[in-house]
Amino acid sequence: MREISEKFVKKCKDDKMKGIFRGIFISLALLAGGGLRGWCATPEFIDSLRTELRLRNMPERVLFLPLALADQRGDDGREGIWSLTALDAIRGMGHLSSTAPSQGSILTAFGQSCTISDSTDIRFDERISSEIALNRLQELFNEYGDWNMSIVAYATSPTALAAMDSTAFANAPILRSLRNAEEEYSENIPAAFERIGSLAAKRKAERLAFLQEQAALRKARLDSLRKRQAANTDRITYTIRRGDTLGGIAARYRVKVSDLKRWNNLRSDMIREGRKLVIYR
């Protein structure tokens, strides 16, 4: 029973480590395989985004929100030009899957269909992520009735917004960054999106380097753990007594008779008093 328990614990530890590595390498694959590799918005994309804002009665200043978000980004798991969280993406995809894109929506702006793969992080798809981001902003506006409050809640969280007093809200970093982006790029929106792409590419490279470093650290820890486990294996020297049998000795130390014979180069079950046996546990 003890042998089974020890094997089970060891298997759980190995499975846990495999799971950790699997998660890291999936993340590396997503970052390497999909994302904003030198992404730069085309005039068609910007025009379609403007059209979408008009159709939704959203202020045009939302055009500059991705740049403001890029300037505000911390290491909070947000990704893509709209700084979506994983939860935003999952919830947004559920909404998109249950509703057909409206005429003129970003998803249909180029007359293209969006094929979504399970292995793709859709936060890096500018068209799908834009649709999800605008839907989320619209939801927040329906709740608050104020675009500034909606933008702050989007950039932080509704909980963080609720905790702000009037002074903190007026000085919210995202609103300051949004004003700066509007002032600097109002006459050159393509340049704003070019900067968004460069910031996103830089963040992606930093994230990839971080994940690679973490993978290397975890591998080193796993190698060290395995070495310690090997070094800590108990090695016992047993002196055979009168009346002993291999089966009895094996049962006493919870090992197999076949292992006893292999460790001690025994060809049969015959043993003699006084001989020493090596036992590993």
Protein backbone atom coordinates (compact mmCIF):
# COMPACT_ATOMS: atom_id res chain seq x y z
CA MET A 1 0.00 0.00 0.00
CA ARG A 2 2.83 2.34 0.87
CA GLU A 3 4.54 1.56 -2.43
CA ILE A 4 1.36 2.42 -4.34
CA SER A 5 0.95 5.67 -2.38
CA GLU A 6 4.53 6.73 -3.03
CA LYS A 7 4.16 6.01 -6.73
CA PHE A 8 0.90 7.97 -6.82
CA VAL A 9 2.50 10.99 -5.11
CA LYS A 10 5.45 10.86 -7.50
CA LYS A 11 3.09 10.65 -10.49
CA CYS A 12 1.09 13.63 -9.22
CA LYS A 13 4.29 15.66 -8.85
CA ASP A 14 5.44 14.69 -12.35
CA ASP A 15 2.01 15.47 -13.82
CA LYS A 16 2.00 18.84 -12.06
CA MET A 17 5.40 19.73 -13.48
CA LYS A 18 4.32 18.54 -16.92
CA GLY A 19 1.22 20.70 -16.61
CA ILE A 20 3.31 23.73 -15.70
CA PHE A 21 5.62 23.18 -18.67
CA ARG A 22 2.65 22.55 -20.97
CA GLY A 23 1.11 25.87 -19.92
CA ILE A 24 4.35 27.75 -20.46
CA PHE A 25 5.02 26.24 -23.87
CA ILE A 26 1.43 26.85 -25.01
CA SER A 27 1.86 30.48 -24.01
CA LEU A 28 5.16 30.62 -25.90
CA ALA A 29 3.52 29.11 -28.95
CA LEU A 30 0.68 31.62 -28.86
CA LEU A 31 3.09 34.51 -28.54
CA ALA A 32 5.34 33.18 -31.28
CA GLY A 33 2.57 32.09 -33.62
CA GLY A 34 0.01 34.85 -33.35
CA GLY A 35 0.26 38.47 -32.53
CA LEU A 36 1.25 41.91 -33.62
CA ARG A 37 4.40 41.24 -35.61
CA GLY A 38 5.12 44.72 -36.85
CA TRP A 39 1.37 45.38 -37.02
CA CYS A 40 0.30 48.67 -38.53
CA ALA A 41 -3.33 49.63 -39.11
CA THR A 42 -4.34 50.10 -42.73
CA PRO A 43 -6.43 53.11 -43.81
CA GLU A 44 -9.29 50.66 -44.44
CA PHE A 45 -9.14 49.42 -40.87
CA ILE A 46 -9.15 52.94 -39.44
CA ASP A 47 -12.05 53.94 -41.70
CA SER A 48 -14.03 50.86 -40.67
CA LEU A 49 -13.34 51.62 -37.01
CA ARG A 50 -14.59 55.19 -37.48
CA THR A 51 -17.70 53.88 -39.21
CA GLU A 52 -18.33 51.45 -36.38
CA LEU A 53 -18.04 54.24 -33.80
CA ARG A 54 -20.59 56.32 -35.70
CA LEU A 55 -22.99 53.39 -36.00
CA ARG A 56 -22.77 52.81 -32.26
CA ASN A 57 -23.00 56.54 -31.40
CA MET A 58 -19.64 56.29 -29.67
CA PRO A 59 -17.28 59.30 -29.45
CA GLU A 60 -14.48 59.40 -32.00
CA ARG A 61 -11.96 59.83 -29.19
CA VAL A 62 -12.30 56.06 -28.67
CA LEU A 63 -10.03 55.83 -31.74
CA PHE A 64 -7.17 56.92 -29.48
CA LEU A 65 -8.03 54.57 -26.61
CA PRO A 66 -5.70 51.75 -27.80
CA LEU A 67 -2.76 54.17 -27.70
CA ALA A 68 -3.73 55.43 -24.24
CA LEU A 69 -4.09 51.83 -23.06
CA ALA A 70 -0.70 50.90 -24.51
CA ASP A 71 0.91 53.75 -22.55
CA GLN A 72 -0.83 52.60 -19.35
CA ARG A 73 -0.12 48.89 -19.62
CA GLY A 74 1.31 47.04 -16.67
CA ASP A 75 2.06 43.35 -16.18
CA ASP A 76 -1.59 42.47 -15.57
CA GLY A 77 -2.15 39.88 -18.27
CA ARG A 78 -3.81 42.22 -20.77
CA GLU A 79 -2.89 41.67 -24.40
CA GLY A 80 -3.54 43.03 -27.90
CA ILE A 81 -4.16 46.56 -29.16
CA TRP A 82 -7.26 46.87 -26.93
CA SER A 83 -5.51 45.53 -23.81
CA LEU A 84 -8.08 42.78 -23.30
CA THR A 85 -7.92 40.44 -20.35
CA ALA A 86 -8.34 36.71 -20.93
CA LEU A 87 -11.78 36.96 -19.30
CA ASP A 88 -12.76 39.80 -21.65
CA ALA A 89 -11.74 37.65 -24.61
CA ILE A 90 -13.61 34.55 -23.43
CA ARG A 91 -16.75 36.48 -22.59
CA GLY A 92 -16.51 38.48 -25.81
CA MET A 93 -16.11 35.38 -27.94
CA GLY A 94 -19.19 33.89 -26.31
CA HIS A 95 -21.16 36.97 -27.34
CA LEU A 96 -19.80 36.95 -30.90
CA SER A 97 -20.56 33.24 -31.28
CA SER A 98 -24.20 33.80 -30.33
CA THR A 99 -24.84 36.86 -32.50
CA ALA A 100 -24.24 37.59 -36.16
CA PRO A 101 -22.02 40.63 -36.93
CA SER A 102 -24.05 43.71 -37.78
CA GLN A 103 -23.85 45.20 -41.26
CA GLY A 104 -20.81 47.47 -41.36
CA SER A 105 -19.25 45.89 -38.30
CA ILE A 106 -15.50 45.56 -38.15
CA LEU A 107 -15.79 41.80 -38.55
CA THR A 108 -17.39 42.25 -41.97
CA ALA A 109 -15.79 45.53 -42.98
CA PHE A 110 -13.41 43.94 -45.47
CA GLY A 111 -15.84 41.36 -46.81
CA GLN A 112 -13.79 38.66 -45.07
CA SER A 113 -14.90 35.86 -42.79
CA CYS A 114 -13.07 35.36 -39.50
CA THR A 115 -11.90 31.83 -38.88
CA ILE A 116 -11.16 31.41 -35.20
CA SER A 117 -8.84 28.59 -34.20
CA ASP A 118 -8.70 27.13 -30.69
CA SER A 119 -4.93 27.67 -30.75
CA THR A 120 -5.18 31.39 -31.57
CA ASP A 121 -5.21 34.12 -28.94
CA ILE A 122 -7.94 36.27 -30.45
CA ARG A 123 -6.75 39.29 -28.44
CA PHE A 124 -4.06 39.64 -31.11
CA ASP A 125 -6.57 39.72 -33.97
CA GLU A 126 -7.22 43.43 -34.52
CA ARG A 127 -10.67 42.96 -36.08
CA ILE A 128 -12.08 40.46 -33.57
CA SER A 129 -10.53 42.22 -30.58
CA SER A 130 -11.93 45.56 -31.78
CA GLU A 131 -15.43 44.13 -31.95
CA ILE A 132 -15.06 42.65 -28.45
CA ALA A 133 -13.60 45.89 -27.04
CA LEU A 134 -16.35 48.08 -28.50
CA ASN A 135 -19.02 45.70 -27.23
CA ARG A 136 -17.50 45.89 -23.75
CA LEU A 137 -17.30 49.69 -23.85
CA GLN A 138 -20.93 49.83 -24.98
CA GLU A 139 -21.96 47.58 -22.07
CA LEU A 140 -20.16 49.84 -19.62
CA PHE A 141 -21.74 52.97 -21.11
CA ASN A 142 -25.18 51.38 -20.82
CA GLU A 143 -24.40 50.85 -17.14
CA TYR A 144 -22.84 54.23 -16.29
CA GLY A 145 -24.27 56.58 -18.93
CA ASP A 146 -20.92 58.40 -19.11
CA TRP A 147 -18.09 57.69 -21.54
CA ASN A 148 -15.29 58.80 -19.20
CA MET A 149 -16.55 56.47 -16.48
CA SER A 150 -16.90 53.69 -19.04
CA ILE A 151 -13.33 54.19 -20.24
CA VAL A 152 -11.90 54.19 -16.70
CA ALA A 153 -13.88 51.05 -15.83
CA TYR A 154 -12.63 49.39 -19.04
CA ALA A 155 -8.98 50.31 -18.40
CA THR A 156 -9.08 49.27 -14.73
CA SER A 157 -12.24 47.49 -13.57
CA PRO A 158 -15.74 48.43 -12.39
CA THR A 159 -14.58 47.62 -8.86
CA ALA A 160 -11.63 50.01 -9.14
CA LEU A 161 -13.91 52.72 -10.54
CA ALA A 162 -16.36 52.30 -7.64
CA ALA A 163 -13.50 52.79 -5.17
CA MET A 164 -12.43 56.15 -6.69
CA ASP A 165 -13.45 59.48 -5.22
CA SER A 166 -14.06 62.48 -7.49
CA THR A 167 -10.43 63.61 -7.33
CA ALA A 168 -9.04 60.18 -8.16
CA PHE A 169 -11.49 59.85 -11.04
CA ALA A 170 -10.63 63.27 -12.49
CA ASN A 171 -6.91 62.36 -12.35
CA ALA A 172 -7.30 58.81 -13.66
CA PRO A 173 -4.13 57.99 -15.65
CA ILE A 174 -6.11 56.53 -18.56
CA LEU A 175 -8.03 59.80 -19.06
CA ARG A 176 -4.81 61.79 -18.97
CA SER A 177 -3.18 59.46 -21.49
CA LEU A 178 -6.26 59.63 -23.70
CA ARG A 179 -6.17 63.44 -23.72
CA ASN A 180 -2.47 63.42 -24.57
CA ALA A 181 -3.02 60.94 -27.41
CA GLU A 182 -5.84 63.05 -28.85
CA GLU A 183 -3.75 66.22 -28.73
CA GLU A 184 -0.68 64.61 -30.28
CA TYR A 185 -2.28 62.48 -33.00
CA SER A 186 -5.62 64.11 -33.86
CA GLU A 187 -4.19 65.20 -37.23
CA ASN A 188 -2.38 61.93 -37.91
CA ILE A 189 -4.38 58.94 -36.72
CA PRO A 190 -2.34 56.38 -38.77
CA ALA A 191 0.76 57.48 -36.83
CA ALA A 192 -1.10 56.76 -33.58
CA PHE A 193 -1.84 53.21 -34.70
CA GLU A 194 1.73 52.76 -35.90
CA ARG A 195 2.88 53.64 -32.38
CA ILE A 196 0.33 51.20 -30.94
CA GLY A 197 1.81 48.45 -33.11
CA SER A 198 5.37 49.23 -32.03
CA LEU A 199 4.41 49.32 -28.35
CA ALA A 200 2.50 46.06 -28.68
CA ALA A 201 5.41 44.39 -30.49
CA LYS A 202 7.80 45.54 -27.77
CA ARG A 203 5.49 44.22 -25.04
CA LYS A 204 5.13 40.93 -26.88
CA ALA A 205 8.91 40.52 -27.10
CA GLU A 206 9.27 41.32 -23.39
CA ARG A 207 6.53 38.82 -22.52
CA LEU A 208 8.13 36.12 -24.67
CA ALA A 209 11.51 36.71 -23.01
CA PHE A 210 9.86 36.53 -19.58
CA LEU A 211 8.13 33.22 -20.39
CA GLN A 212 11.35 31.76 -21.78
CA GLU A 213 13.16 32.78 -18.60
CA GLN A 214 10.44 31.22 -16.45
CA ALA A 215 10.54 28.02 -18.50
CA ALA A 216 14.31 27.81 -18.02
CA LEU A 217 13.99 28.41 -14.26
CA ARG A 218 11.29 25.77 -13.88
CA LYS A 219 13.33 23.26 -15.87
CA ALA A 220 16.35 23.96 -13.65
CA ARG A 221 14.20 23.46 -10.54
CA LEU A 222 12.81 20.20 -11.89
CA ASP A 223 16.31 18.92 -12.72
CA SER A 224 17.49 19.89 -9.23
CA LEU A 225 14.49 18.14 -7.64
CA ARG A 226 15.17 14.96 -9.58
CA LYS A 227 18.83 14.99 -8.55
CA ARG A 228 17.87 15.44 -4.89
CA GLN A 229 15.37 12.62 -5.13
CA ALA A 230 18.02 10.34 -6.63
CA ALA A 231 20.55 11.32 -3.95
CA ASN A 232 18.06 10.77 -1.13
CA THR A 233 17.24 7.18 -2.13
CA ASP A 234 17.75 5.00 0.95
CA ARG A 235 20.40 2.31 0.56
CA ILE A 236 20.31 -0.37 3.23
CA THR A 237 22.78 -3.17 3.87
CA TYR A 238 21.05 -6.17 5.45
CA THR A 239 22.82 -9.17 6.95
CA ILE A 240 20.92 -12.40 6.35
CA ARG A 241 19.94 -14.25 9.52
CA ARG A 242 19.06 -17.88 10.17
CA GLY A 243 15.54 -18.61 8.90
CA ASP A 244 15.41 -15.62 6.52
CA THR A 245 13.94 -15.99 3.04
CA LEU A 246 14.05 -13.59 0.12
CA GLY A 247 10.28 -13.32 0.23
CA GLY A 248 10.30 -12.48 3.93
CA ILE A 249 13.03 -9.86 3.54
CA ALA A 250 11.26 -8.31 0.54
CA ALA A 251 7.98 -8.11 2.48
CA ARG A 252 9.70 -6.56 5.50
CA TYR A 253 11.23 -3.74 3.42
CA ARG A 254 8.28 -3.46 0.98
CA VAL A 255 10.30 -4.25 -2.13
CA LYS A 256 9.98 -6.92 -4.80
CA VAL A 257 11.85 -10.24 -4.69
CA SER A 258 12.87 -9.67 -8.31
CA ASP A 259 14.44 -6.32 -7.32
CA LEU A 260 16.32 -7.94 -4.43
CA LYS A 261 17.76 -10.51 -6.80
CA ARG A 262 18.67 -7.86 -9.39
CA TRP A 263 20.37 -5.56 -6.86
CA ASN A 264 22.44 -8.44 -5.47
CA ASN A 265 23.08 -10.47 -8.64
CA LEU A 266 21.22 -13.48 -7.29
CA ARG A 267 20.29 -16.21 -9.80
CA SER A 268 18.02 -18.12 -7.44
CA ASP A 269 16.02 -17.67 -4.24
CA MET A 270 18.64 -19.56 -2.26
CA ILE A 271 20.41 -17.40 0.36
CA ARG A 272 22.82 -18.22 3.19
CA GLU A 273 23.17 -16.90 6.68
CA GLY A 274 25.72 -14.10 7.09
CA ARG A 275 25.59 -12.84 3.51
CA LYS A 276 24.93 -9.13 3.09
CA LEU A 277 22.16 -7.85 0.82
CA VAL A 278 21.86 -4.35 -0.65
CA ILE A 279 18.32 -2.97 -0.51
CA TYR A 280 17.09 0.30 -2.06
CA ARG A 281 13.92 2.00 -0.81
